[in-house]
Protein backbone atom coordinates (compact mmCIF):
# COMPACT_ATOMS: atom_id res chain seq x y z
CA MET A 1 -123.69 70.04 180.90
CA LEU A 2 -121.86 66.76 180.40
CA LEU A 3 -124.35 65.05 182.69
CA ILE A 4 -127.18 66.23 180.44
CA GLY A 5 -125.33 64.68 177.51
CA THR A 6 -124.93 61.49 179.53
CA LEU A 7 -128.66 61.29 180.22
CA LEU A 8 -129.54 62.07 176.62
CA LEU A 9 -127.25 59.30 175.34
CA LEU A 10 -128.75 56.80 177.76
CA LEU A 11 -132.26 57.82 176.75
CA ILE A 12 -131.64 57.86 173.00
CA GLY A 13 -129.98 54.44 173.23
CA LEU A 14 -132.98 52.99 175.03
CA ILE A 15 -135.41 54.55 172.57
CA HIS A 16 -133.26 53.50 169.59
CA SER A 17 -133.20 49.84 170.62
CA TYR A 18 -136.85 49.64 171.64
CA LEU A 19 -138.35 51.50 168.69
CA GLY A 20 -135.93 49.91 166.26
CA GLU A 21 -137.07 46.45 167.32
CA LYS A 22 -140.74 47.36 167.41
CA TYR A 23 -141.07 49.43 164.25
CA LEU A 24 -138.16 48.57 161.99
CA LEU A 25 -136.45 45.24 162.58
CA ILE A 26 -139.52 43.11 163.21
CA ARG A 27 -141.26 44.53 160.12
CA LEU A 28 -138.12 44.16 158.04
CA PHE A 29 -137.69 40.54 159.09
CA ARG A 30 -141.21 39.67 157.89
CA ARG A 31 -140.10 40.35 154.33
CA ASP A 32 -139.27 37.38 152.16
CA ASN A 33 -136.67 39.12 149.99
CA LEU A 34 -133.81 39.59 152.46
CA PRO A 35 -130.40 38.47 151.21
CA LYS A 36 -129.70 34.82 151.89
CA LEU A 37 -126.25 34.37 153.37
CA TRP A 38 -124.99 30.91 154.35
CA GLY A 39 -128.06 29.42 152.63
CA SER A 40 -130.86 31.33 154.38
CA ASP A 41 -131.86 34.73 155.70
CA TRP A 42 -131.19 33.64 159.31
CA PHE A 43 -127.65 35.04 159.32
CA THR A 44 -128.77 38.29 157.66
CA LYS A 45 -131.43 38.84 160.33
CA ARG A 46 -129.03 38.08 163.17
CA VAL A 47 -126.36 40.43 161.86
CA LEU A 48 -128.87 43.24 161.34
CA ARG A 49 -130.22 42.78 164.86
CA PHE A 50 -126.87 42.72 166.66
CA ALA A 51 -125.50 45.58 164.56
CA TRP A 52 -128.56 47.67 165.41
CA HIS A 53 -128.13 47.08 169.12
CA LEU A 54 -124.35 47.59 169.03
CA THR A 55 -125.12 51.20 168.14
CA THR A 56 -126.99 51.54 171.42
CA LEU A 57 -124.14 49.88 173.30
CA ALA A 58 -121.66 52.31 171.74
CA TRP A 59 -123.83 55.29 172.72
CA TRP A 60 -124.02 54.01 176.29
CA GLY A 61 -120.24 53.72 176.29
CA PHE A 62 -120.02 57.35 175.23
CA ALA A 63 -122.48 58.20 178.00
CA ALA A 64 -120.15 56.55 180.51
CA ILE A 65 -117.20 58.52 179.14
CA LEU A 66 -119.14 61.79 179.41
CA TYR A 67 -120.07 60.87 182.98
CA ILE A 68 -116.41 60.28 183.86
CA LEU A 69 -115.40 63.55 182.22
CA ALA A 70 -118.10 65.48 184.11
CA ASP A 71 -116.25 64.85 187.38
CA PRO A 72 -112.83 63.52 186.44
CA SER A 73 -110.66 61.70 188.91
CA GLU A 74 -106.90 61.49 188.97
CA ASP A 75 -106.75 58.59 186.52
CA ARG A 76 -109.20 59.60 183.81
CA ARG A 77 -107.21 57.77 181.13
CA SER A 78 -107.54 54.39 182.82
CA GLU A 79 -111.23 54.92 183.55
CA ILE A 80 -111.94 55.72 179.90
CA LEU A 81 -109.87 52.76 178.72
CA LEU A 82 -111.83 50.47 181.06
CA ILE A 83 -115.09 51.79 179.62
CA ILE A 84 -113.76 51.09 176.12
CA THR A 85 -112.75 47.61 177.31
CA ALA A 86 -116.27 46.94 178.59
CA VAL A 87 -117.97 48.25 175.45
CA PHE A 88 -115.85 46.15 173.12
CA ALA A 89 -115.99 43.05 175.31
CA LEU A 90 -119.80 43.30 175.33
CA SER A 91 -119.76 43.94 171.58
CA GLY A 92 -117.69 40.79 171.12
CA VAL A 93 -120.03 38.72 173.25
CA THR A 94 -123.03 40.10 171.37
CA SER A 95 -121.50 39.38 167.98
CA LEU A 96 -120.36 35.91 169.02
CA LEU A 97 -123.71 34.88 170.48
CA PHE A 98 -126.01 36.44 167.89
CA SER A 99 -124.09 35.08 164.90
CA HIS A 100 -123.01 31.82 166.56
CA GLY A 101 -119.44 32.84 165.75
CA LYS A 102 -120.02 33.15 162.00
CA HIS A 103 -119.62 36.93 161.93
CA LEU A 104 -115.95 37.39 162.70
CA SER A 105 -116.28 40.89 164.17
CA TRP A 106 -116.16 39.28 167.61
CA LEU A 107 -112.46 38.55 167.08
CA CYS A 108 -111.68 42.22 166.48
CA PHE A 109 -113.93 43.36 169.32
CA PHE A 110 -112.22 41.05 171.81
CA LEU A 111 -108.79 42.12 170.55
CA ILE A 112 -109.70 45.81 170.99
CA ALA A 113 -111.02 45.04 174.48
CA ALA A 114 -107.78 43.25 175.38
CA ILE A 115 -105.61 46.07 174.02
CA SER A 116 -107.67 48.67 175.88
CA PHE A 117 -107.47 46.67 179.10
CA TYR A 118 -103.72 46.31 178.68
CA GLY A 119 -103.47 50.07 178.17
CA ALA A 120 -105.41 50.69 181.37
CA ALA A 121 -103.57 48.13 183.48
CA TYR A 122 -100.00 48.57 182.22
CA ARG A 123 -99.31 52.20 181.39
């Protein structure tokens, strides 16, 4: 059953990102009345885009956790912490690149990734 959940999370994440770009974000970004942060709507659009896709990344992280739990090994805790590390490291990279460092969430994401990695490596 957990493998079915894994597959559903992978699928819904893919559909969420694809359809969100195609039918929501692109149409939303054509509007001329988006909030102007830092002098233009560029930052607003970038934050909306990376936040939308971070949802997919989080779902895929949950899919990986479900996969691990479907056939757990001896060190399930470390495996789950490494998945959390990967999700938050990728979230940090995404935030940093999409916002050019202006959205400070990347700091927290990298800190969470480091703490999770430490928890996995040094019990």
